[in-house]
N, C-alpha and C. Protein backbone atom coordinates (compact mmCIF):
# COMPACT_ATOMS: atom_id res chain seq x y z
N MET A 1 106.46 97.17 112.52
CA MET A 1 106.23 95.75 112.35
C MET A 1 107.03 94.95 113.37
N LEU A 2 108.32 95.28 113.50
CA LEU A 2 109.16 94.55 114.44
C LEU A 2 108.65 94.72 115.86
N ARG A 3 108.33 95.95 116.23
CA ARG A 3 107.83 96.19 117.58
C ARG A 3 106.52 95.45 117.83
N HIS A 4 105.69 95.34 116.80
CA HIS A 4 104.42 94.63 116.94
C HIS A 4 104.65 93.19 117.38
N PHE A 5 105.75 92.59 116.90
CA PHE A 5 106.03 91.20 117.24
C PHE A 5 107.07 91.08 118.35
N GLY A 6 107.31 92.20 119.05
CA GLY A 6 108.18 92.14 120.22
C GLY A 6 109.66 92.19 119.94
N VAL A 7 110.05 92.65 118.75
CA VAL A 7 111.46 92.75 118.39
C VAL A 7 111.89 94.21 118.45
N ASP A 8 112.97 94.48 119.15
CA ASP A 8 113.50 95.84 119.22
C ASP A 8 114.30 96.11 117.95
N PRO A 9 113.94 97.13 117.17
CA PRO A 9 114.70 97.44 115.93
C PRO A 9 116.18 97.67 116.18
N ASP A 10 116.53 98.10 117.39
CA ASP A 10 117.94 98.34 117.70
C ASP A 10 118.72 97.03 117.83
N ASP A 11 118.01 95.91 117.95
CA ASP A 11 118.67 94.61 118.03
C ASP A 11 118.92 94.02 116.64
N VAL A 12 118.50 94.72 115.60
CA VAL A 12 118.63 94.23 114.23
C VAL A 12 119.76 94.98 113.53
N THR A 13 120.56 94.26 112.76
CA THR A 13 121.58 94.89 111.92
C THR A 13 120.95 95.24 110.58
N TRP A 14 120.89 96.52 110.28
CA TRP A 14 120.22 96.99 109.07
C TRP A 14 121.22 97.23 107.95
N VAL A 15 120.79 96.96 106.72
CA VAL A 15 121.61 97.22 105.54
C VAL A 15 120.94 98.32 104.73
N ASP A 16 121.64 99.41 104.51
CA ASP A 16 121.08 100.55 103.78
C ASP A 16 121.13 100.27 102.29
N SER A 17 119.95 100.15 101.66
CA SER A 17 119.89 99.86 100.22
C SER A 17 119.44 101.07 99.40
N ARG A 18 119.32 102.21 100.05
CA ARG A 18 118.85 103.40 99.33
C ARG A 18 119.82 103.80 98.23
N GLY A 19 119.27 103.95 97.03
CA GLY A 19 120.07 104.41 95.90
C GLY A 19 120.97 103.36 95.30
N LYS A 20 120.86 102.11 95.75
CA LYS A 20 121.72 101.06 95.21
C LYS A 20 121.18 100.56 93.87
N PRO A 21 122.06 100.36 92.88
CA PRO A 21 121.61 99.86 91.58
C PRO A 21 121.33 98.36 91.63
N PRO A 22 120.46 97.82 90.77
CA PRO A 22 119.67 98.59 89.78
C PRO A 22 118.48 99.31 90.43
N ASP A 23 118.01 98.84 91.57
CA ASP A 23 117.05 99.56 92.40
C ASP A 23 117.08 98.93 93.78
N THR A 24 116.46 99.59 94.74
CA THR A 24 116.63 99.17 96.13
C THR A 24 116.15 97.76 96.40
N GLU A 25 115.00 97.38 95.83
CA GLU A 25 114.45 96.06 96.15
C GLU A 25 115.24 94.94 95.50
N ARG A 26 115.65 95.13 94.24
CA ARG A 26 116.44 94.08 93.60
C ARG A 26 117.83 93.99 94.22
N TYR A 27 118.35 95.11 94.71
CA TYR A 27 119.63 95.06 95.43
C TYR A 27 119.49 94.21 96.69
N ARG A 28 118.41 94.44 97.45
CA ARG A 28 118.19 93.64 98.66
C ARG A 28 118.01 92.17 98.33
N LEU A 29 117.27 91.90 97.25
CA LEU A 29 117.04 90.51 96.86
C LEU A 29 118.34 89.82 96.45
N SER A 30 119.23 90.56 95.79
CA SER A 30 120.50 89.95 95.39
C SER A 30 121.32 89.57 96.61
N LEU A 31 121.30 90.41 97.65
CA LEU A 31 122.01 90.08 98.88
C LEU A 31 121.36 88.89 99.58
N PHE A 32 120.04 88.85 99.55
CA PHE A 32 119.30 87.74 100.18
C PHE A 32 119.62 86.43 99.46
N GLU A 33 119.67 86.48 98.13
CA GLU A 33 119.95 85.27 97.36
C GLU A 33 121.35 84.74 97.64
N LYS A 34 122.30 85.66 97.87
CA LYS A 34 123.67 85.26 98.16
C LYS A 34 123.88 84.85 99.62
N GLY A 35 122.82 84.95 100.43
CA GLY A 35 122.93 84.56 101.82
C GLY A 35 123.53 85.62 102.71
N GLU A 36 123.63 86.85 102.21
CA GLU A 36 124.22 87.92 103.00
C GLU A 36 123.20 88.62 103.90
N LEU A 37 121.92 88.32 103.71
CA LEU A 37 120.86 88.84 104.57
C LEU A 37 120.06 87.68 105.13
N ASP A 38 119.64 87.81 106.37
CA ASP A 38 118.80 86.78 106.98
C ASP A 38 117.33 86.99 106.63
N ALA A 39 116.96 88.22 106.34
CA ALA A 39 115.57 88.53 106.01
C ALA A 39 115.57 89.76 105.10
N VAL A 40 114.49 89.94 104.36
CA VAL A 40 114.40 91.05 103.43
C VAL A 40 112.99 91.61 103.45
N CYS A 41 112.89 92.92 103.36
CA CYS A 41 111.59 93.59 103.31
C CYS A 41 111.37 94.11 101.90
N CYS A 42 110.25 93.75 101.28
CA CYS A 42 110.00 94.19 99.91
C CYS A 42 108.51 94.10 99.59
N ASP A 43 108.14 94.76 98.51
CA ASP A 43 106.76 94.79 98.05
C ASP A 43 106.54 93.73 96.98
N PRO A 44 105.26 93.41 96.70
CA PRO A 44 105.00 92.50 95.58
C PRO A 44 105.37 93.16 94.27
N PRO A 45 105.89 92.39 93.28
CA PRO A 45 106.08 90.93 93.31
C PRO A 45 107.41 90.50 93.90
N HIS A 46 108.16 91.44 94.46
CA HIS A 46 109.50 91.10 94.92
C HIS A 46 109.48 90.10 96.07
N TRP A 47 108.47 90.17 96.94
CA TRP A 47 108.46 89.19 98.03
C TRP A 47 108.14 87.80 97.48
N ASN A 48 107.43 87.75 96.34
CA ASN A 48 107.20 86.46 95.69
C ASN A 48 108.50 85.92 95.12
N VAL A 49 109.36 86.83 94.63
CA VAL A 49 110.68 86.43 94.15
C VAL A 49 111.50 85.89 95.31
N ALA A 50 111.42 86.55 96.47
CA ALA A 50 112.16 86.09 97.64
C ALA A 50 111.73 84.68 98.05
N VAL A 51 110.43 84.41 97.97
CA VAL A 51 109.93 83.07 98.28
C VAL A 51 110.52 82.05 97.32
N ARG A 52 110.61 82.41 96.05
CA ARG A 52 111.18 81.49 95.06
C ARG A 52 112.67 81.26 95.28
N MET A 53 113.30 82.19 95.98
CA MET A 53 114.71 82.02 96.31
C MET A 53 114.91 81.13 97.53
N GLY A 54 113.80 80.67 98.10
CA GLY A 54 113.88 79.81 99.28
C GLY A 54 113.43 80.47 100.56
N GLY A 55 113.00 81.72 100.46
CA GLY A 55 112.53 82.42 101.64
C GLY A 55 111.13 82.00 102.05
N ARG A 56 110.67 82.51 103.16
CA ARG A 56 109.31 82.25 103.65
C ARG A 56 108.65 83.59 103.93
N ARG A 57 107.45 83.76 103.43
CA ARG A 57 106.72 84.99 103.71
C ARG A 57 106.29 84.99 105.17
N LEU A 58 106.74 85.97 105.93
CA LEU A 58 106.43 86.02 107.35
C LEU A 58 105.14 86.80 107.61
N THR A 59 105.11 88.05 107.20
CA THR A 59 103.90 88.84 107.39
C THR A 59 104.02 90.11 106.57
N SER A 60 102.94 90.85 106.52
CA SER A 60 102.90 92.13 105.83
C SER A 60 102.14 93.11 106.70
N ALA A 61 102.46 94.39 106.56
CA ALA A 61 101.73 95.40 107.32
C ALA A 61 100.24 95.32 107.02
N ARG A 62 99.90 94.96 105.78
CA ARG A 62 98.48 94.90 105.41
C ARG A 62 97.75 93.77 106.15
N ASP A 63 98.51 92.80 106.70
CA ASP A 63 97.90 91.74 107.49
C ASP A 63 97.47 92.25 108.86
N LEU A 64 98.04 93.39 109.27
CA LEU A 64 97.84 93.87 110.63
C LEU A 64 96.97 95.12 110.72
N PHE A 65 97.16 96.04 109.77
CA PHE A 65 96.41 97.28 109.84
C PHE A 65 96.44 97.97 108.48
N ALA A 66 95.51 98.90 108.28
CA ALA A 66 95.45 99.67 107.04
C ALA A 66 96.43 100.83 107.11
N LEU A 67 97.17 101.03 106.02
CA LEU A 67 98.12 102.14 105.93
C LEU A 67 98.07 102.73 104.52
N PRO A 68 98.10 104.04 104.40
CA PRO A 68 98.27 104.63 103.07
C PRO A 68 99.68 104.33 102.57
N GLU A 69 99.77 103.98 101.30
CA GLU A 69 101.08 103.63 100.75
C GLU A 69 101.64 104.79 99.94
N ALA A 70 101.96 104.56 98.68
CA ALA A 70 102.52 105.62 97.84
C ALA A 70 101.45 106.66 97.52
N GLY A 71 101.90 107.86 97.16
CA GLY A 71 100.96 108.91 96.82
C GLY A 71 101.67 110.02 96.05
N LEU A 72 100.97 111.12 95.86
CA LEU A 72 101.54 112.27 95.17
C LEU A 72 102.00 113.30 96.21
N SER A 73 103.18 113.85 95.98
CA SER A 73 103.71 114.85 96.89
C SER A 73 104.08 116.11 96.12
N THR A 74 103.87 117.26 96.74
CA THR A 74 104.28 118.53 96.15
C THR A 74 104.47 119.53 97.28
N THR A 75 104.69 120.78 96.93
CA THR A 75 104.95 121.81 97.94
C THR A 75 103.70 122.66 98.17
N ILE A 76 103.69 123.36 99.28
CA ILE A 76 102.60 124.28 99.57
C ILE A 76 102.51 125.35 98.48
N ASP A 77 103.65 125.81 97.98
CA ASP A 77 103.64 126.83 96.93
C ASP A 77 102.92 126.35 95.69
N VAL A 78 103.19 125.11 95.27
CA VAL A 78 102.51 124.57 94.08
C VAL A 78 101.02 124.44 94.34
N ILE A 79 100.65 123.97 95.51
CA ILE A 79 99.23 123.82 95.85
C ILE A 79 98.52 125.16 95.79
N GLU A 80 99.16 126.19 96.32
CA GLU A 80 98.52 127.51 96.37
C GLU A 80 98.53 128.20 95.01
N GLN A 81 99.59 128.01 94.23
CA GLN A 81 99.74 128.74 92.98
C GLN A 81 99.16 128.00 91.78
N LYS A 82 99.10 126.67 91.85
CA LYS A 82 98.63 125.89 90.71
C LYS A 82 97.64 124.80 91.15
N PRO A 83 96.56 125.19 91.81
CA PRO A 83 95.62 124.17 92.29
C PRO A 83 94.99 123.35 91.18
N GLU A 84 94.78 123.96 90.00
CA GLU A 84 94.19 123.22 88.88
C GLU A 84 95.12 122.09 88.44
N LEU A 85 96.41 122.36 88.43
CA LEU A 85 97.39 121.34 88.07
C LEU A 85 97.41 120.21 89.08
N VAL A 86 97.36 120.58 90.36
CA VAL A 86 97.36 119.56 91.41
C VAL A 86 96.12 118.67 91.28
N LEU A 87 94.98 119.29 91.08
CA LEU A 87 93.74 118.52 90.91
C LEU A 87 93.84 117.61 89.70
N ALA A 88 94.40 118.11 88.60
CA ALA A 88 94.53 117.30 87.38
C ALA A 88 95.42 116.09 87.62
N MET A 89 96.49 116.26 88.38
CA MET A 89 97.39 115.14 88.67
C MET A 89 96.70 114.10 89.55
N VAL A 90 95.96 114.57 90.55
CA VAL A 90 95.23 113.63 91.42
C VAL A 90 94.18 112.88 90.60
N ARG A 91 93.47 113.61 89.76
CA ARG A 91 92.43 112.99 88.92
C ARG A 91 93.04 111.95 87.97
N ALA A 92 94.16 112.29 87.34
CA ALA A 92 94.81 111.37 86.41
C ALA A 92 95.30 110.11 87.12
N THR A 93 95.82 110.28 88.33
CA THR A 93 96.29 109.13 89.10
C THR A 93 95.14 108.20 89.44
N LEU A 94 94.01 108.77 89.86
CA LEU A 94 92.84 107.96 90.19
C LEU A 94 92.29 107.25 88.96
N ARG A 95 92.26 107.96 87.83
CA ARG A 95 91.78 107.34 86.60
C ARG A 95 92.68 106.17 86.20
N GLY A 96 93.99 106.34 86.35
CA GLY A 96 94.91 105.27 86.04
C GLY A 96 94.73 104.07 86.94
N ALA A 97 94.54 104.33 88.24
CA ALA A 97 94.34 103.24 89.19
C ALA A 97 93.05 102.49 88.90
N GLU A 98 91.99 103.24 88.55
CA GLU A 98 90.72 102.59 88.24
C GLU A 98 90.82 101.77 86.96
N PHE A 99 91.54 102.30 85.97
CA PHE A 99 91.74 101.53 84.74
C PHE A 99 92.48 100.23 85.04
N ALA A 100 93.55 100.33 85.84
CA ALA A 100 94.32 99.14 86.18
C ALA A 100 93.45 98.12 86.93
N ARG A 101 92.57 98.61 87.79
CA ARG A 101 91.70 97.70 88.55
C ARG A 101 90.76 96.94 87.64
N LEU A 102 90.28 97.61 86.59
CA LEU A 102 89.26 97.01 85.73
C LEU A 102 89.83 96.30 84.50
N ASN A 103 91.12 96.48 84.23
CA ASN A 103 91.72 95.94 83.01
C ASN A 103 93.02 95.21 83.35
N GLN A 104 92.87 94.00 83.88
CA GLN A 104 94.02 93.26 84.37
C GLN A 104 95.06 92.99 83.28
N GLN A 105 94.64 92.40 82.17
CA GLN A 105 95.61 91.97 81.17
C GLN A 105 96.34 93.15 80.53
N GLU A 106 95.61 94.20 80.21
CA GLU A 106 96.25 95.36 79.60
C GLU A 106 97.21 96.01 80.58
N THR A 107 96.86 96.01 81.85
CA THR A 107 97.75 96.56 82.87
C THR A 107 99.01 95.72 82.99
N ILE A 108 98.86 94.41 83.00
CA ILE A 108 100.02 93.52 83.08
C ILE A 108 100.93 93.71 81.88
N ASP A 109 100.34 93.83 80.69
CA ASP A 109 101.13 94.05 79.48
C ASP A 109 101.93 95.35 79.59
N CYS A 110 101.30 96.38 80.14
CA CYS A 110 101.98 97.67 80.31
C CYS A 110 103.13 97.54 81.30
N VAL A 111 102.91 96.83 82.40
CA VAL A 111 103.96 96.61 83.39
C VAL A 111 105.15 95.91 82.75
N LEU A 112 104.88 94.89 81.96
CA LEU A 112 105.96 94.11 81.35
C LEU A 112 106.75 94.91 80.32
N ARG A 113 106.11 95.89 79.70
CA ARG A 113 106.83 96.73 78.75
C ARG A 113 107.86 97.63 79.46
N HIS A 114 107.54 97.97 80.71
CA HIS A 114 108.41 98.90 81.44
C HIS A 114 109.25 98.23 82.52
N GLN A 115 108.92 97.00 82.87
CA GLN A 115 109.65 96.28 83.92
C GLN A 115 110.14 94.96 83.32
N ILE A 116 111.38 94.97 82.86
CA ILE A 116 111.90 93.82 82.11
C ILE A 116 112.44 92.73 83.03
N HIS A 117 112.42 92.97 84.32
CA HIS A 117 113.06 92.03 85.24
C HIS A 117 112.08 91.05 85.89
N ILE A 118 110.82 91.11 85.50
CA ILE A 118 109.87 90.15 86.05
C ILE A 118 109.16 89.43 84.93
N SER A 119 108.67 88.24 85.23
CA SER A 119 107.97 87.42 84.24
C SER A 119 106.49 87.80 84.22
N HIS A 120 105.79 87.26 83.22
CA HIS A 120 104.34 87.47 83.12
C HIS A 120 103.65 86.94 84.37
N GLU A 121 104.11 85.79 84.85
CA GLU A 121 103.50 85.19 86.04
C GLU A 121 103.65 86.10 87.25
N LEU A 122 104.84 86.67 87.43
CA LEU A 122 105.06 87.55 88.57
C LEU A 122 104.27 88.85 88.43
N ALA A 123 104.11 89.33 87.19
CA ALA A 123 103.30 90.52 86.97
C ALA A 123 101.85 90.25 87.36
N GLU A 124 101.36 89.06 87.06
CA GLU A 124 100.00 88.68 87.47
C GLU A 124 99.89 88.65 88.99
N ILE A 125 100.91 88.09 89.63
CA ILE A 125 100.91 88.04 91.10
C ILE A 125 100.89 89.45 91.67
N ALA A 126 101.70 90.35 91.09
CA ALA A 126 101.74 91.73 91.56
C ALA A 126 100.38 92.39 91.42
N TRP A 127 99.71 92.14 90.29
CA TRP A 127 98.38 92.73 90.09
C TRP A 127 97.41 92.21 91.14
N GLU A 128 97.45 90.91 91.41
CA GLU A 128 96.55 90.33 92.40
C GLU A 128 96.84 90.90 93.79
N GLU A 129 98.11 91.03 94.14
CA GLU A 129 98.47 91.55 95.46
C GLU A 129 98.01 93.00 95.60
N ASP A 130 98.27 93.81 94.57
CA ASP A 130 97.84 95.20 94.62
C ASP A 130 96.32 95.31 94.59
N HIS A 131 95.69 94.38 93.86
CA HIS A 131 94.23 94.39 93.79
C HIS A 131 93.61 94.24 95.18
N ASN A 132 94.30 93.54 96.07
CA ASN A 132 93.81 93.39 97.44
C ASN A 132 93.72 94.73 98.16
N ASP A 133 94.53 95.70 97.72
CA ASP A 133 94.56 97.00 98.38
C ASP A 133 93.59 98.00 97.78
N TRP A 134 93.00 97.67 96.63
CA TRP A 134 92.08 98.60 95.98
C TRP A 134 90.72 98.49 96.64
N GLY A 135 90.21 99.59 97.07
CA GLY A 135 88.93 99.54 97.74
C GLY A 135 88.49 100.94 98.12
N PRO A 136 87.68 101.06 99.14
CA PRO A 136 87.21 102.39 99.55
C PRO A 136 88.35 103.22 100.10
N VAL A 137 88.15 104.53 100.13
CA VAL A 137 89.14 105.43 100.71
C VAL A 137 89.32 105.08 102.19
N LEU A 138 90.56 105.09 102.65
CA LEU A 138 90.82 104.78 104.05
C LEU A 138 90.23 105.87 104.95
N ASP A 139 90.08 105.55 106.24
CA ASP A 139 89.59 106.57 107.17
C ASP A 139 90.78 107.30 107.79
N ILE A 140 90.47 108.33 108.56
CA ILE A 140 91.51 109.21 109.09
C ILE A 140 92.47 108.46 110.01
N SER A 141 92.01 107.40 110.66
CA SER A 141 92.88 106.68 111.58
C SER A 141 94.07 106.04 110.86
N ALA A 142 93.87 105.65 109.61
CA ALA A 142 94.98 105.07 108.84
C ALA A 142 96.08 106.11 108.61
N TYR A 143 95.66 107.34 108.34
CA TYR A 143 96.63 108.41 108.12
C TYR A 143 97.29 108.83 109.43
N GLU A 144 96.55 108.80 110.51
CA GLU A 144 97.13 109.09 111.82
C GLU A 144 98.19 108.05 112.17
N ARG A 145 97.91 106.81 111.81
CA ARG A 145 98.87 105.73 112.05
C ARG A 145 100.15 105.97 111.25
N LYS A 146 99.99 106.37 109.98
CA LYS A 146 101.17 106.61 109.14
C LYS A 146 101.98 107.81 109.65
N VAL A 147 101.29 108.86 110.08
CA VAL A 147 101.98 110.03 110.63
C VAL A 147 102.73 109.63 111.90
N GLY A 148 102.15 108.73 112.67
CA GLY A 148 102.83 108.22 113.86
C GLY A 148 104.14 107.54 113.50
N ILE A 149 104.13 106.82 112.38
CA ILE A 149 105.36 106.17 111.90
C ILE A 149 106.38 107.22 111.49
N TYR A 150 105.90 108.27 110.79
CA TYR A 150 106.81 109.36 110.40
C TYR A 150 107.56 109.91 111.61
N THR A 151 106.78 110.24 112.63
CA THR A 151 107.37 110.94 113.77
C THR A 151 108.19 110.01 114.66
N ARG A 152 107.75 108.76 114.78
CA ARG A 152 108.43 107.83 115.70
C ARG A 152 109.65 107.18 115.05
N GLU A 153 109.49 106.68 113.83
CA GLU A 153 110.56 105.91 113.21
C GLU A 153 111.50 106.76 112.35
N TRP A 154 110.98 107.84 111.77
CA TRP A 154 111.79 108.63 110.85
C TRP A 154 112.26 109.95 111.46
N ASN A 155 111.92 110.15 112.73
CA ASN A 155 112.37 111.35 113.46
C ASN A 155 111.95 112.64 112.77
N LEU A 156 110.76 112.64 112.21
CA LEU A 156 110.22 113.85 111.61
C LEU A 156 109.46 114.66 112.67
N PRO A 157 109.24 115.95 112.42
CA PRO A 157 108.52 116.78 113.40
C PRO A 157 107.13 116.21 113.71
N GLU A 158 106.69 116.42 114.91
CA GLU A 158 105.40 115.89 115.35
C GLU A 158 104.29 116.86 114.94
N TYR A 159 103.74 116.64 113.75
CA TYR A 159 102.69 117.49 113.20
C TYR A 159 101.38 116.71 113.12
N PRO A 160 100.24 117.41 113.07
CA PRO A 160 98.96 116.74 112.84
C PRO A 160 98.88 116.23 111.41
N VAL A 161 97.90 115.35 111.18
CA VAL A 161 97.72 114.76 109.85
C VAL A 161 97.63 115.82 108.77
N ALA A 162 96.94 116.93 109.06
CA ALA A 162 96.71 117.97 108.06
C ALA A 162 98.01 118.59 107.56
N LYS A 163 99.07 118.48 108.33
CA LYS A 163 100.35 119.05 107.91
C LYS A 163 101.02 118.19 106.85
N TYR A 164 100.68 116.92 106.83
CA TYR A 164 101.29 115.98 105.88
C TYR A 164 100.38 115.66 104.69
N TYR A 165 99.08 115.70 104.89
CA TYR A 165 98.14 115.25 103.86
C TYR A 165 97.08 116.30 103.58
N ARG A 166 96.73 116.43 102.30
CA ARG A 166 95.58 117.24 101.89
C ARG A 166 94.55 116.30 101.26
N PHE A 167 93.29 116.45 101.69
CA PHE A 167 92.25 115.54 101.21
C PHE A 167 91.24 116.20 100.28
N ASP A 168 91.25 117.54 100.20
CA ASP A 168 90.23 118.22 99.40
C ASP A 168 90.36 117.90 97.91
N PHE A 169 91.59 117.81 97.40
CA PHE A 169 91.78 117.46 95.99
C PHE A 169 91.32 116.03 95.71
N LEU A 170 91.59 115.15 96.65
CA LEU A 170 91.17 113.76 96.50
C LEU A 170 89.65 113.66 96.42
N LYS A 171 88.98 114.36 97.32
CA LYS A 171 87.52 114.29 97.35
C LYS A 171 86.92 114.85 96.07
N GLN A 172 87.44 116.00 95.60
CA GLN A 172 86.91 116.61 94.39
C GLN A 172 87.12 115.71 93.18
N ALA A 173 88.32 115.13 93.07
CA ALA A 173 88.60 114.25 91.94
C ALA A 173 87.74 113.00 91.97
N LEU A 174 87.57 112.42 93.14
CA LEU A 174 86.71 111.23 93.26
C LEU A 174 85.27 111.55 92.87
N CYS A 175 84.79 112.72 93.28
CA CYS A 175 83.43 113.13 92.92
C CYS A 175 83.30 113.30 91.41
N GLU A 176 84.27 113.97 90.80
CA GLU A 176 84.21 114.21 89.35
C GLU A 176 84.24 112.90 88.57
N LEU A 177 84.98 111.92 89.07
CA LEU A 177 85.09 110.64 88.38
C LEU A 177 84.00 109.66 88.80
N LYS A 178 83.11 110.11 89.69
CA LYS A 178 82.03 109.27 90.22
C LYS A 178 82.59 108.00 90.88
N LEU A 179 83.67 108.17 91.61
CA LEU A 179 84.30 107.06 92.32
C LEU A 179 84.22 107.21 93.84
N LEU A 180 83.52 108.24 94.30
CA LEU A 180 83.44 108.49 95.74
C LEU A 180 82.40 107.55 96.35
N ARG A 181 82.87 106.45 96.93
CA ARG A 181 81.96 105.44 97.48
C ARG A 181 81.90 105.51 99.01
N SER A 182 82.91 106.09 99.61
CA SER A 182 82.92 106.28 101.07
C SER A 182 83.83 107.45 101.39
N TRP A 183 83.55 108.11 102.50
CA TRP A 183 84.35 109.28 102.87
C TRP A 183 84.26 109.52 104.36
N ASP A 184 85.39 109.64 105.03
CA ASP A 184 85.41 109.91 106.46
C ASP A 184 85.28 111.43 106.65
N PRO A 185 84.24 111.90 107.33
CA PRO A 185 84.07 113.35 107.55
C PRO A 185 85.27 113.99 108.25
N ALA A 186 86.06 113.18 108.95
CA ALA A 186 87.23 113.73 109.63
C ALA A 186 88.23 114.29 108.63
N PHE A 187 88.21 113.81 107.38
CA PHE A 187 89.08 114.39 106.35
C PHE A 187 88.77 115.87 106.15
N ASP A 188 87.48 116.19 106.07
CA ASP A 188 87.07 117.58 105.87
C ASP A 188 87.50 118.44 107.05
N ALA A 189 87.35 117.92 108.25
CA ALA A 189 87.77 118.66 109.44
C ALA A 189 89.27 118.88 109.44
N SER A 190 90.01 117.88 108.96
CA SER A 190 91.47 117.99 108.91
C SER A 190 91.90 119.10 107.96
N ASP A 191 91.26 119.17 106.78
CA ASP A 191 91.58 120.23 105.82
C ASP A 191 91.19 121.61 106.35
N ALA A 192 90.10 121.67 107.09
CA ALA A 192 89.67 122.94 107.67
C ALA A 192 90.69 123.44 108.69
N LYS A 193 91.24 122.52 109.47
CA LYS A 193 92.27 122.90 110.44
C LYS A 193 93.51 123.44 109.73
N LEU A 194 93.88 122.79 108.62
CA LEU A 194 95.04 123.25 107.87
C LEU A 194 94.81 124.65 107.31
N ALA A 195 93.60 124.89 106.79
CA ALA A 195 93.28 126.21 106.25
C ALA A 195 93.42 127.28 107.34
N GLY A 196 93.01 126.93 108.56
CA GLY A 196 93.15 127.87 109.67
C GLY A 196 94.61 128.13 110.01
N VAL A 197 95.43 127.09 109.95
CA VAL A 197 96.86 127.24 110.24
C VAL A 197 97.51 128.13 109.19
N LEU A 198 97.21 127.88 107.92
CA LEU A 198 97.80 128.66 106.84
C LEU A 198 97.37 130.13 106.92
N ALA A 199 96.10 130.35 107.27
CA ALA A 199 95.61 131.72 107.41
C ALA A 199 96.34 132.44 108.53
N ALA A 200 96.56 131.73 109.60
CA ALA A 200 97.25 132.33 110.75
C ALA A 200 98.71 132.66 110.39
N CYS A 201 99.32 131.78 109.57
CA CYS A 201 100.72 132.02 109.17
C CYS A 201 100.83 133.22 108.25
N ALA A 202 99.76 133.49 107.47
CA ALA A 202 99.80 134.56 106.50
C ALA A 202 99.61 135.93 107.13
N THR A 203 99.09 135.95 108.36
CA THR A 203 98.81 137.25 109.01
C THR A 203 99.99 137.68 109.86
């Protein structure tokens, strides 16, 4: 984001909020409210909280390009040894997301039962903001962009998309739930490449 707007990240003084109580975003917001930070990066509804503290919303990655956000992670061993479990987890996650998309008030009520630090109004804002991201499955370029961030910003090994993401479970779960509305064929090619790599490693 900074580079997109011509700012060198090395020219910025960063504050590490990882593992800070009560959680990373509220820790950052508390510093912002006290004037100890000039700017803060956070997700909805926290950026709405920052605005209420006197901040100004500058931009979001979603304003510039599509990126996969949170997801399910596991190991190759679990995928190989317990594929039914992996598929069940993917299916349950998709069912939950679809329920949340179609049932705003019940979803907000659930959020408020588990998140005591936000108001009903902010929970509604969070639902609306997240609702903007609900849509068709992203194409392979979005995942390539995210992998580029992994390798460039987080100093992770330079691997192809297939090394970081598996799409076959997603496709099967979407089909079973009758939610498959769009699909980039490059996902299938990516999984095929991974299968070839794993086969080569096994020999």
